[in-house]
Amino acid sequence: MTRPPDELAARIPPGQVLTAKWPVLTYGLTPRFDPARWRFRCFGLVESELTWTWEQFLRLPRAEVRCDIHCVTRWSRLDNVFEGVPVRDIVERVRPRPEARYVLVHADPDYTTNVPLADLLDDDVLLALKHDGQELSADHGGPLRLVVPKLYFWKSAKWVRGFEFLDVNPPGFWELNGYHMRADPWKEERYSDQETRAMQTMRAEAARMRRKGR
């Protein structure tokens, strides 16, 4: 890793260093992809719950996005080219109810992360199938990963399998293990002890409601 040149400094959030490589960071084992059994499901507070098989998902319209990505472990990689299905298109198909403000992203194996619905509607947010012209490798989340460039990259879940639309904002896997609920790299929102009291209260209440099954 090297420090960014001056002309690129404005694209590097505080506390980050630039890398040309794409480090592989994974907790646990990389799951095995079985296209015959794979499903992507949208459920919860939506007008139309939908599930796609792998063949059906591959037929959805695609877009290409060039973006920078920033990992909470302090590396940044610029000018990534991702190709995939715009999340906005998925959201339009399932039609969230007015009270749905958050999405709990579900991924293999038993991973979750929480993202505000408004963030998923940005033009550069994809369910990515390719990176820099190549199919996503399994180590980098293939066959399908979420890409939310404006947030630290743990929010861009690997091996994504579904969106659960909610009116509360429960913490996901890393959020339960000490990481920030919001994860804005420009504000260095890395850890839960940086959260406001209001956010910590919301975190606890949402987690409680989810445990009780509402």
Protein backbone atom coordinates (compact mmCIF):
# COMPACT_ATOMS: atom_id res chain seq x y z
CA MET A 1 0.00 0.00 0.00
CA THR A 2 1.14 3.52 -0.74
CA ARG A 3 -0.10 6.92 0.24
CA PRO A 4 -2.22 8.60 -2.44
CA PRO A 5 -0.74 11.26 -4.72
CA ASP A 6 -1.84 14.81 -3.95
CA GLU A 7 -4.17 14.95 -6.95
CA LEU A 8 -6.11 11.93 -5.64
CA ALA A 9 -6.22 12.96 -2.00
CA ALA A 10 -9.72 14.42 -2.28
CA ARG A 11 -11.02 10.96 -3.15
CA ILE A 12 -9.49 9.23 -0.14
CA PRO A 13 -11.45 9.45 3.14
CA PRO A 14 -9.62 10.26 6.38
CA GLY A 15 -7.47 7.47 7.77
CA GLN A 16 -7.31 5.53 4.48
CA VAL A 17 -4.39 4.55 2.26
CA LEU A 18 -4.51 3.77 -1.45
CA THR A 19 -3.99 0.28 -2.86
CA ALA A 20 -3.98 -1.05 -6.43
CA LYS A 21 -4.69 -4.55 -5.14
CA TRP A 22 -8.04 -5.81 -3.86
CA PRO A 23 -7.38 -7.45 -0.49
CA VAL A 24 -9.50 -10.48 0.40
CA LEU A 25 -11.08 -10.16 3.85
CA THR A 26 -13.57 -12.80 4.93
CA TYR A 27 -14.85 -14.03 8.28
CA GLY A 28 -15.30 -17.79 8.10
CA LEU A 29 -15.35 -20.09 5.09
CA THR A 30 -16.19 -19.08 1.54
CA PRO A 31 -19.57 -20.66 0.72
CA ARG A 32 -20.05 -23.03 -2.21
CA PHE A 33 -22.23 -21.74 -5.05
CA ASP A 34 -24.86 -24.15 -6.39
CA PRO A 35 -26.76 -22.45 -9.24
CA ALA A 36 -29.56 -25.04 -9.09
CA ARG A 37 -30.34 -24.19 -5.46
CA TRP A 38 -29.47 -20.49 -5.44
CA ARG A 39 -32.29 -18.00 -4.81
CA PHE A 40 -32.50 -14.24 -4.28
CA ARG A 41 -35.50 -13.21 -2.17
CA CYS A 42 -37.09 -9.87 -1.29
CA PHE A 43 -39.56 -9.97 1.59
CA GLY A 44 -40.89 -8.07 4.59
CA LEU A 45 -42.66 -4.73 4.23
CA VAL A 46 -43.24 -4.90 0.48
CA GLU A 47 -46.33 -5.03 -1.69
CA SER A 48 -44.95 -7.91 -3.73
CA GLU A 49 -42.58 -10.50 -2.26
CA LEU A 50 -40.40 -11.85 -5.06
CA THR A 51 -37.85 -14.63 -5.47
CA TRP A 52 -35.49 -15.13 -8.40
CA THR A 53 -33.65 -18.28 -9.42
CA TRP A 54 -30.11 -17.89 -10.75
CA GLU A 55 -31.30 -18.18 -14.36
CA GLN A 56 -34.03 -15.60 -13.77
CA PHE A 57 -31.64 -13.21 -12.05
CA LEU A 58 -29.20 -13.35 -14.95
CA ARG A 59 -31.97 -12.13 -17.27
CA LEU A 60 -32.54 -8.91 -15.31
CA PRO A 61 -31.36 -5.62 -16.88
CA ARG A 62 -27.79 -4.66 -16.02
CA ALA A 63 -25.78 -1.48 -15.61
CA GLU A 64 -22.10 -0.62 -15.23
CA VAL A 65 -20.75 1.63 -12.47
CA ARG A 66 -17.27 3.07 -11.93
CA CYS A 67 -16.66 3.81 -8.26
CA ASP A 68 -14.17 3.98 -5.40
CA ILE A 69 -14.39 1.53 -2.50
CA HIS A 70 -13.20 2.05 1.06
CA CYS A 71 -12.59 -0.71 3.61
CA VAL A 72 -12.85 -0.12 7.36
CA THR A 73 -9.44 -1.81 7.66
CA ARG A 74 -8.09 1.42 6.12
CA TRP A 75 -7.46 0.64 2.45
CA SER A 76 -9.13 2.34 -0.51
CA ARG A 77 -9.22 1.18 -4.12
CA LEU A 78 -10.16 3.66 -6.84
CA ASP A 79 -11.88 3.37 -10.22
CA ASN A 80 -13.44 -0.05 -9.80
CA VAL A 81 -15.81 -1.03 -12.60
CA PHE A 82 -18.72 -3.15 -11.42
CA GLU A 83 -21.43 -4.63 -13.60
CA GLY A 84 -24.71 -5.91 -12.24
CA VAL A 85 -28.37 -5.31 -11.54
CA PRO A 86 -29.23 -1.84 -10.19
CA VAL A 87 -30.76 -2.22 -6.75
CA ARG A 88 -33.22 0.53 -7.62
CA ASP A 89 -34.72 -1.78 -10.26
CA ILE A 90 -35.19 -4.54 -7.68
CA VAL A 91 -36.83 -2.12 -5.24
CA GLU A 92 -39.22 -0.85 -7.90
CA ARG A 93 -40.35 -4.41 -8.63
CA VAL A 94 -41.16 -5.30 -5.00
CA ARG A 95 -42.68 -1.88 -4.12
CA PRO A 96 -41.77 -1.24 -0.45
CA ARG A 97 -44.58 -0.12 1.80
CA PRO A 98 -44.45 3.51 3.03
CA GLU A 99 -43.24 2.45 6.49
CA ALA A 100 -40.26 0.50 5.10
CA ARG A 101 -37.19 2.63 5.77
CA TYR A 102 -34.44 0.06 6.29
CA VAL A 103 -33.18 -3.12 4.66
CA LEU A 104 -31.52 -6.02 6.42
CA VAL A 105 -29.27 -7.59 3.80
CA HIS A 106 -29.07 -11.38 4.04
CA ALA A 107 -26.09 -13.27 2.66
CA ASP A 108 -24.39 -16.65 2.88
CA PRO A 109 -23.43 -18.09 5.30
CA ASP A 110 -25.93 -16.61 7.81
CA TYR A 111 -24.54 -13.07 7.39
CA THR A 112 -26.53 -9.86 7.70
CA THR A 113 -25.86 -6.14 7.51
CA ASN A 114 -28.24 -3.19 7.83
CA VAL A 115 -28.55 -0.39 5.26
CA PRO A 116 -31.06 2.48 5.05
CA LEU A 117 -33.40 1.97 2.11
CA ALA A 118 -32.60 5.49 0.87
CA ASP A 119 -28.93 4.53 0.46
CA LEU A 120 -29.83 1.51 -1.67
CA LEU A 121 -31.67 3.75 -4.12
CA ASP A 122 -28.53 5.65 -5.19
CA ASP A 123 -27.65 5.35 -8.87
CA ASP A 124 -24.30 3.66 -8.16
CA VAL A 125 -25.66 0.83 -5.96
CA LEU A 126 -25.58 -2.57 -7.65
CA LEU A 127 -26.05 -6.24 -7.09
CA ALA A 128 -22.74 -6.90 -8.81
CA LEU A 129 -21.92 -9.90 -10.98
CA LYS A 130 -18.65 -8.64 -12.49
CA HIS A 131 -15.65 -6.56 -11.41
CA ASP A 132 -13.25 -4.95 -13.90
CA GLY A 133 -14.67 -7.06 -16.73
CA GLN A 134 -14.39 -10.41 -14.96
CA GLU A 135 -16.98 -12.55 -13.20
CA LEU A 136 -16.76 -11.95 -9.46
CA SER A 137 -14.53 -14.57 -7.86
CA ALA A 138 -15.88 -16.51 -4.90
CA ASP A 139 -13.35 -14.86 -2.57
CA HIS A 140 -14.71 -11.44 -3.53
CA GLY A 141 -18.35 -12.39 -3.09
CA GLY A 142 -19.18 -14.18 -6.31
CA PRO A 143 -21.51 -14.99 -7.78
CA LEU A 144 -23.30 -11.91 -6.42
CA ARG A 145 -22.39 -9.15 -4.00
CA LEU A 146 -23.94 -5.88 -2.99
CA VAL A 147 -21.96 -2.72 -3.84
CA VAL A 148 -22.77 0.45 -1.86
CA PRO A 149 -19.81 2.74 -2.63
CA LYS A 150 -20.74 5.57 -0.22
CA LEU A 151 -20.36 3.30 2.85
CA TYR A 152 -17.47 1.28 4.27
CA PHE A 153 -17.24 -1.89 2.27
CA TRP A 154 -18.45 -4.32 4.94
CA LYS A 155 -21.91 -2.97 4.11
CA SER A 156 -21.41 -4.30 0.56
CA ALA A 157 -22.21 -7.86 1.59
CA LYS A 158 -20.59 -10.77 -0.24
CA TRP A 159 -22.66 -13.76 -1.41
CA VAL A 160 -25.87 -11.78 -1.03
CA ARG A 161 -29.13 -13.74 -1.09
CA GLY A 162 -31.91 -11.39 -0.06
CA PHE A 163 -33.32 -8.10 1.16
CA GLU A 164 -35.65 -7.88 4.15
CA PHE A 165 -37.55 -4.58 4.21
CA LEU A 166 -38.18 -3.24 7.72
CA ASP A 167 -39.49 -0.25 9.65
CA VAL A 168 -36.74 -0.65 12.26
CA ASN A 169 -32.96 -0.76 11.85
CA PRO A 170 -31.58 -3.87 13.59
CA PRO A 171 -27.80 -4.32 13.69
CA GLY A 172 -26.31 -6.97 11.44
CA PHE A 173 -23.36 -9.29 12.05
CA TRP A 174 -20.51 -6.79 12.24
CA GLU A 175 -22.72 -4.13 13.80
CA LEU A 176 -23.40 -6.56 16.66
CA ASN A 177 -19.67 -7.13 16.95
CA GLY A 178 -18.55 -3.56 17.56
CA TYR A 179 -18.92 -1.81 14.21
CA HIS A 180 -20.85 1.36 13.44
CA MET A 181 -24.50 1.25 12.36
CA ARG A 182 -24.05 3.90 9.64
CA ALA A 183 -20.47 3.38 8.31
CA ASP A 184 -19.82 6.65 6.47
CA PRO A 185 -16.09 6.59 5.54
CA TRP A 186 -15.91 10.38 5.22
CA LYS A 187 -16.91 10.69 8.87
CA GLU A 188 -14.75 7.70 9.91
CA GLU A 189 -17.77 5.93 11.35
CA ARG A 190 -15.88 2.74 12.13
CA TYR A 191 -16.94 1.54 15.57
CA SER A 192 -20.08 1.40 17.70
CA ASP A 193 -18.55 3.52 20.49
CA GLN A 194 -18.58 6.45 18.02
CA GLU A 195 -22.38 6.35 17.69
CA THR A 196 -24.60 9.03 19.13
CA ARG A 197 -26.76 8.18 22.12
CA ALA A 198 -29.84 8.33 19.87
CA MET A 199 -28.30 5.83 17.45
CA GLN A 200 -27.32 3.49 20.26
CA THR A 201 -30.87 3.64 21.63
CA MET A 202 -32.29 2.91 18.17
CA ARG A 203 -29.85 0.00 17.77
CA ALA A 204 -30.88 -1.57 21.06
CA GLU A 205 -34.62 -1.11 20.49
CA ALA A 206 -34.51 -2.51 16.97
CA ALA A 207 -32.52 -5.53 18.11
CA ARG A 208 -35.00 -6.12 20.96
CA MET A 209 -38.01 -5.92 18.65
CA ARG A 210 -36.43 -8.33 16.19
CA ARG A 211 -35.60 -10.87 18.91
CA LYS A 212 -39.22 -10.78 20.08
CA GLY A 213 -40.45 -11.25 16.53
CA ARG A 214 -42.50 -8.07 16.96
